[in-house]
Amino acid sequence: MLTILERINQIKGVKGSSIVSPDGIEIVSHFRTPVPSDFISALIVSVQQVANKIVSNAQAGSLMQTMIEASEGKFFVQVIELGYLVVLADSQANTGLIRVEIAQVSPLIK
């Protein structure tokens, strides 16, 4: 799993990535700079619960990915078999490239 995170982290602008269980426990992470990853892991679960409600109420199928874009960074959360793949990037990172890479590696995480 660490190899997969390292692959994602090679994308320019990616600060790091982690795999989080459905209950917010960090399984593995790889960040280039110190981040409060335990705190982020717990918040990700809360965000995903709200996103799931929105998708459900909109009758839009199953939630696959959530992206939060802020003035100083981007957060990507992909639903995977083990829980969530979380990617943190700076504001200049190529969103499309990150999303393509997430789509390619997500099925490999088991």
N, C-alpha and C. Protein backbone atom coordinates (compact mmCIF):
# COMPACT_ATOMS: atom_id res chain seq x y z
N MET A 1 0.81 -1.20 0.00
CA MET A 1 0.00 0.00 0.00
C MET A 1 0.85 1.26 0.00
N LEU A 2 1.97 1.23 0.70
CA LEU A 2 2.84 2.40 0.76
C LEU A 2 3.37 2.74 -0.63
N THR A 3 3.64 1.73 -1.44
CA THR A 3 4.12 1.96 -2.80
C THR A 3 3.08 2.73 -3.62
N ILE A 4 1.82 2.42 -3.41
CA ILE A 4 0.75 3.11 -4.13
C ILE A 4 0.70 4.58 -3.70
N LEU A 5 0.82 4.83 -2.40
CA LEU A 5 0.82 6.21 -1.92
C LEU A 5 2.02 6.97 -2.47
N GLU A 6 3.16 6.33 -2.50
CA GLU A 6 4.36 6.97 -3.05
C GLU A 6 4.16 7.33 -4.52
N ARG A 7 3.46 6.47 -5.25
CA ARG A 7 3.16 6.73 -6.67
C ARG A 7 2.31 8.00 -6.81
N ILE A 8 1.28 8.12 -5.99
CA ILE A 8 0.42 9.31 -6.03
C ILE A 8 1.22 10.55 -5.65
N ASN A 9 2.07 10.41 -4.66
CA ASN A 9 2.82 11.55 -4.14
C ASN A 9 3.85 12.09 -5.12
N GLN A 10 4.13 11.36 -6.19
CA GLN A 10 5.08 11.84 -7.19
C GLN A 10 4.49 12.93 -8.07
N ILE A 11 3.17 13.09 -8.04
CA ILE A 11 2.52 14.12 -8.85
C ILE A 11 2.88 15.49 -8.28
N LYS A 12 3.27 16.39 -9.14
CA LYS A 12 3.66 17.74 -8.71
C LYS A 12 2.51 18.40 -7.94
N GLY A 13 2.83 18.89 -6.76
CA GLY A 13 1.84 19.58 -5.95
C GLY A 13 1.17 18.73 -4.90
N VAL A 14 1.33 17.41 -4.97
CA VAL A 14 0.73 16.53 -3.96
C VAL A 14 1.58 16.58 -2.70
N LYS A 15 0.94 16.87 -1.59
CA LYS A 15 1.63 16.97 -0.30
C LYS A 15 1.73 15.62 0.40
N GLY A 16 0.80 14.74 0.08
CA GLY A 16 0.80 13.43 0.70
C GLY A 16 -0.53 12.74 0.54
N SER A 17 -0.56 11.50 1.01
CA SER A 17 -1.77 10.70 0.87
C SER A 17 -1.85 9.69 2.00
N SER A 18 -3.05 9.18 2.20
CA SER A 18 -3.24 8.17 3.24
C SER A 18 -4.41 7.28 2.90
N ILE A 19 -4.46 6.17 3.58
CA ILE A 19 -5.59 5.25 3.49
C ILE A 19 -6.22 5.23 4.87
N VAL A 20 -7.52 5.48 4.91
CA VAL A 20 -8.24 5.63 6.16
C VAL A 20 -9.38 4.61 6.20
N SER A 21 -9.56 3.98 7.34
CA SER A 21 -10.65 3.01 7.51
C SER A 21 -11.99 3.75 7.56
N PRO A 22 -13.11 3.05 7.36
CA PRO A 22 -14.42 3.70 7.39
C PRO A 22 -14.74 4.39 8.71
N ASP A 23 -14.09 3.99 9.79
CA ASP A 23 -14.34 4.63 11.09
C ASP A 23 -13.30 5.70 11.44
N GLY A 24 -12.47 6.09 10.47
CA GLY A 24 -11.55 7.20 10.66
C GLY A 24 -10.18 6.86 11.20
N ILE A 25 -9.83 5.60 11.22
CA ILE A 25 -8.51 5.18 11.69
C ILE A 25 -7.55 5.16 10.50
N GLU A 26 -6.43 5.84 10.66
CA GLU A 26 -5.43 5.84 9.60
C GLU A 26 -4.77 4.47 9.49
N ILE A 27 -4.81 3.88 8.31
CA ILE A 27 -4.20 2.58 8.08
C ILE A 27 -2.73 2.75 7.70
N VAL A 28 -2.48 3.64 6.75
CA VAL A 28 -1.12 3.95 6.31
C VAL A 28 -1.13 5.35 5.72
N SER A 29 -0.02 6.06 5.88
CA SER A 29 0.06 7.39 5.29
C SER A 29 1.48 7.69 4.85
N HIS A 30 1.57 8.63 3.94
CA HIS A 30 2.87 9.07 3.45
C HIS A 30 2.74 10.55 3.08
N PHE A 31 3.25 11.42 3.94
CA PHE A 31 3.19 12.85 3.71
C PHE A 31 4.60 13.42 3.64
N ARG A 32 4.79 14.39 2.75
CA ARG A 32 6.10 15.03 2.60
C ARG A 32 6.38 16.03 3.71
N THR A 33 5.33 16.63 4.21
CA THR A 33 5.46 17.61 5.29
C THR A 33 4.58 17.16 6.45
N PRO A 34 4.90 17.56 7.65
CA PRO A 34 4.07 17.16 8.79
C PRO A 34 2.65 17.72 8.67
N VAL A 35 1.69 16.85 8.80
CA VAL A 35 0.27 17.24 8.83
C VAL A 35 -0.39 16.48 9.97
N PRO A 36 -1.44 17.05 10.54
CA PRO A 36 -2.16 16.34 11.61
C PRO A 36 -3.03 15.24 11.00
N SER A 37 -2.39 14.17 10.53
CA SER A 37 -3.10 13.15 9.76
C SER A 37 -4.19 12.44 10.55
N ASP A 38 -4.01 12.24 11.85
CA ASP A 38 -5.07 11.62 12.65
C ASP A 38 -6.31 12.50 12.69
N PHE A 39 -6.09 13.80 12.84
CA PHE A 39 -7.18 14.76 12.85
C PHE A 39 -7.89 14.77 11.50
N ILE A 40 -7.12 14.81 10.43
CA ILE A 40 -7.68 14.81 9.08
C ILE A 40 -8.48 13.52 8.83
N SER A 41 -7.95 12.39 9.27
CA SER A 41 -8.64 11.11 9.08
C SER A 41 -10.01 11.13 9.71
N ALA A 42 -10.11 11.64 10.92
CA ALA A 42 -11.40 11.69 11.61
C ALA A 42 -12.36 12.64 10.90
N LEU A 43 -11.86 13.78 10.44
CA LEU A 43 -12.71 14.73 9.73
C LEU A 43 -13.21 14.18 8.39
N ILE A 44 -12.36 13.41 7.73
CA ILE A 44 -12.74 12.84 6.44
C ILE A 44 -14.00 12.00 6.57
N VAL A 45 -14.09 11.22 7.63
CA VAL A 45 -15.28 10.38 7.84
C VAL A 45 -16.52 11.26 7.99
N SER A 46 -16.41 12.34 8.72
CA SER A 46 -17.55 13.25 8.89
C SER A 46 -17.97 13.86 7.55
N VAL A 47 -17.00 14.29 6.77
CA VAL A 47 -17.28 14.86 5.46
C VAL A 47 -17.96 13.83 4.56
N GLN A 48 -17.46 12.61 4.60
CA GLN A 48 -18.03 11.56 3.76
C GLN A 48 -19.46 11.23 4.17
N GLN A 49 -19.76 11.28 5.45
CA GLN A 49 -21.12 11.02 5.91
C GLN A 49 -22.08 12.07 5.36
N VAL A 50 -21.67 13.33 5.39
CA VAL A 50 -22.50 14.41 4.84
C VAL A 50 -22.65 14.24 3.33
N ALA A 51 -21.54 13.96 2.65
CA ALA A 51 -21.58 13.76 1.20
C ALA A 51 -22.49 12.59 0.83
N ASN A 52 -22.44 11.51 1.61
CA ASN A 52 -23.32 10.37 1.36
C ASN A 52 -24.78 10.75 1.48
N LYS A 53 -25.12 11.59 2.46
CA LYS A 53 -26.51 12.05 2.62
C LYS A 53 -26.95 12.86 1.42
N ILE A 54 -26.08 13.74 0.95
CA ILE A 54 -26.40 14.56 -0.21
C ILE A 54 -26.66 13.68 -1.43
N VAL A 55 -25.76 12.75 -1.67
CA VAL A 55 -25.88 11.86 -2.83
C VAL A 55 -27.15 11.01 -2.72
N SER A 56 -27.41 10.51 -1.53
CA SER A 56 -28.61 9.69 -1.30
C SER A 56 -29.89 10.50 -1.53
N ASN A 57 -29.95 11.69 -0.93
CA ASN A 57 -31.15 12.52 -1.09
C ASN A 57 -31.35 12.98 -2.52
N ALA A 58 -30.28 13.13 -3.26
CA ALA A 58 -30.36 13.51 -4.67
C ALA A 58 -30.61 12.31 -5.57
N GLN A 59 -30.65 11.13 -4.97
CA GLN A 59 -30.84 9.87 -5.71
C GLN A 59 -29.84 9.78 -6.88
N ALA A 60 -28.56 10.03 -6.53
CA ALA A 60 -27.49 10.06 -7.54
C ALA A 60 -26.61 8.82 -7.51
N GLY A 61 -27.10 7.74 -6.92
CA GLY A 61 -26.31 6.51 -6.88
C GLY A 61 -25.41 6.45 -5.66
N SER A 62 -24.23 5.88 -5.84
CA SER A 62 -23.27 5.71 -4.74
C SER A 62 -22.19 6.78 -4.81
N LEU A 63 -21.80 7.27 -3.66
CA LEU A 63 -20.70 8.23 -3.58
C LEU A 63 -19.41 7.55 -3.98
N MET A 64 -18.67 8.19 -4.88
CA MET A 64 -17.40 7.63 -5.32
C MET A 64 -16.22 8.49 -4.87
N GLN A 65 -16.35 9.81 -5.03
CA GLN A 65 -15.23 10.68 -4.69
C GLN A 65 -15.76 12.03 -4.23
N THR A 66 -15.06 12.59 -3.25
CA THR A 66 -15.35 13.93 -2.77
C THR A 66 -14.09 14.76 -2.93
N MET A 67 -14.27 16.00 -3.40
CA MET A 67 -13.13 16.90 -3.52
C MET A 67 -13.48 18.21 -2.83
N ILE A 68 -12.56 18.69 -2.01
CA ILE A 68 -12.72 19.99 -1.36
C ILE A 68 -11.58 20.86 -1.85
N GLU A 69 -11.94 22.03 -2.36
CA GLU A 69 -10.92 22.95 -2.85
C GLU A 69 -10.95 24.21 -1.99
N ALA A 70 -9.80 24.56 -1.43
CA ALA A 70 -9.67 25.74 -0.59
C ALA A 70 -8.64 26.69 -1.22
N SER A 71 -8.49 27.86 -0.65
CA SER A 71 -7.57 28.84 -1.24
C SER A 71 -6.13 28.36 -1.24
N GLU A 72 -5.77 27.49 -0.29
CA GLU A 72 -4.38 27.04 -0.18
C GLU A 72 -4.18 25.55 -0.43
N GLY A 73 -5.23 24.85 -0.84
CA GLY A 73 -5.04 23.42 -1.07
C GLY A 73 -6.28 22.70 -1.53
N LYS A 74 -6.09 21.43 -1.83
CA LYS A 74 -7.16 20.56 -2.31
C LYS A 74 -7.12 19.26 -1.55
N PHE A 75 -8.30 18.71 -1.28
CA PHE A 75 -8.44 17.41 -0.61
C PHE A 75 -9.26 16.51 -1.52
N PHE A 76 -8.77 15.33 -1.79
CA PHE A 76 -9.49 14.34 -2.58
C PHE A 76 -9.75 13.14 -1.69
N VAL A 77 -10.98 12.65 -1.70
CA VAL A 77 -11.32 11.47 -0.90
C VAL A 77 -12.04 10.49 -1.82
N GLN A 78 -11.40 9.36 -2.06
CA GLN A 78 -11.93 8.32 -2.94
C GLN A 78 -12.40 7.15 -2.10
N VAL A 79 -13.62 6.70 -2.32
CA VAL A 79 -14.12 5.51 -1.63
C VAL A 79 -13.40 4.29 -2.22
N ILE A 80 -12.83 3.47 -1.34
CA ILE A 80 -12.13 2.25 -1.75
C ILE A 80 -12.63 1.09 -0.90
N GLU A 81 -12.21 -0.10 -1.24
CA GLU A 81 -12.64 -1.31 -0.52
C GLU A 81 -12.33 -1.24 0.98
N LEU A 82 -11.18 -0.70 1.34
CA LEU A 82 -10.76 -0.63 2.75
C LEU A 82 -11.32 0.57 3.50
N GLY A 83 -11.91 1.52 2.79
CA GLY A 83 -12.42 2.75 3.40
C GLY A 83 -12.27 3.91 2.45
N TYR A 84 -11.19 4.70 2.67
CA TYR A 84 -10.98 5.89 1.85
C TYR A 84 -9.51 6.08 1.50
N LEU A 85 -9.28 6.53 0.28
CA LEU A 85 -7.97 6.99 -0.14
C LEU A 85 -8.04 8.52 -0.08
N VAL A 86 -7.15 9.13 0.69
CA VAL A 86 -7.15 10.58 0.90
C VAL A 86 -5.88 11.16 0.28
N VAL A 87 -6.04 12.19 -0.52
CA VAL A 87 -4.89 12.86 -1.14
C VAL A 87 -4.98 14.35 -0.83
N LEU A 88 -3.90 14.91 -0.31
CA LEU A 88 -3.80 16.35 -0.04
C LEU A 88 -2.85 16.95 -1.04
N ALA A 89 -3.25 18.08 -1.62
CA ALA A 89 -2.42 18.74 -2.62
C ALA A 89 -2.45 20.25 -2.42
N ASP A 90 -1.47 20.94 -2.99
CA ASP A 90 -1.49 22.39 -2.91
C ASP A 90 -2.46 22.94 -3.95
N SER A 91 -2.70 24.23 -3.90
CA SER A 91 -3.72 24.83 -4.76
C SER A 91 -3.35 24.83 -6.24
N GLN A 92 -2.07 24.68 -6.54
CA GLN A 92 -1.62 24.69 -7.94
C GLN A 92 -1.56 23.31 -8.58
N ALA A 93 -1.82 22.28 -7.81
CA ALA A 93 -1.74 20.91 -8.34
C ALA A 93 -2.77 20.67 -9.44
N ASN A 94 -2.42 19.83 -10.38
CA ASN A 94 -3.28 19.51 -11.51
C ASN A 94 -4.40 18.56 -11.06
N THR A 95 -5.59 19.10 -10.91
CA THR A 95 -6.74 18.33 -10.41
C THR A 95 -7.04 17.12 -11.30
N GLY A 96 -7.04 17.32 -12.59
CA GLY A 96 -7.35 16.22 -13.51
C GLY A 96 -6.36 15.08 -13.42
N LEU A 97 -5.09 15.43 -13.37
CA LEU A 97 -4.04 14.41 -13.27
C LEU A 97 -4.17 13.62 -11.97
N ILE A 98 -4.44 14.31 -10.89
CA ILE A 98 -4.61 13.63 -9.60
C ILE A 98 -5.81 12.70 -9.65
N ARG A 99 -6.91 13.15 -10.21
CA ARG A 99 -8.11 12.32 -10.28
C ARG A 99 -7.90 11.08 -11.15
N VAL A 100 -7.16 11.23 -12.24
CA VAL A 100 -6.85 10.08 -13.11
C VAL A 100 -6.00 9.07 -12.34
N GLU A 101 -4.98 9.56 -11.64
CA GLU A 101 -4.10 8.66 -10.88
C GLU A 101 -4.88 7.95 -9.77
N ILE A 102 -5.75 8.68 -9.08
CA ILE A 102 -6.58 8.07 -8.04
C ILE A 102 -7.44 6.96 -8.64
N ALA A 103 -8.03 7.22 -9.79
CA ALA A 103 -8.87 6.21 -10.45
C ALA A 103 -8.07 4.96 -10.83
N GLN A 104 -6.82 5.15 -11.22
CA GLN A 104 -5.98 4.02 -11.63
C GLN A 104 -5.52 3.18 -10.45
N VAL A 105 -5.18 3.83 -9.32
CA VAL A 105 -4.62 3.07 -8.20
C VAL A 105 -5.68 2.54 -7.23
N SER A 106 -6.84 3.14 -7.20
CA SER A 106 -7.87 2.73 -6.22
C SER A 106 -8.20 1.23 -6.26
N PRO A 107 -8.37 0.64 -7.45
CA PRO A 107 -8.66 -0.80 -7.46
C PRO A 107 -7.52 -1.68 -6.95
N LEU A 108 -6.31 -1.13 -6.88
CA LEU A 108 -5.14 -1.89 -6.43
C LEU A 108 -5.04 -1.96 -4.92
N ILE A 109 -5.79 -1.11 -4.22
CA ILE A 109 -5.70 -1.04 -2.76
C ILE A 109 -6.67 -2.03 -2.15
N LYS A 110 -6.10 -3.10 -1.57
CA LYS A 110 -6.94 -4.16 -0.97
C LYS A 110 -6.32 -4.63 0.31
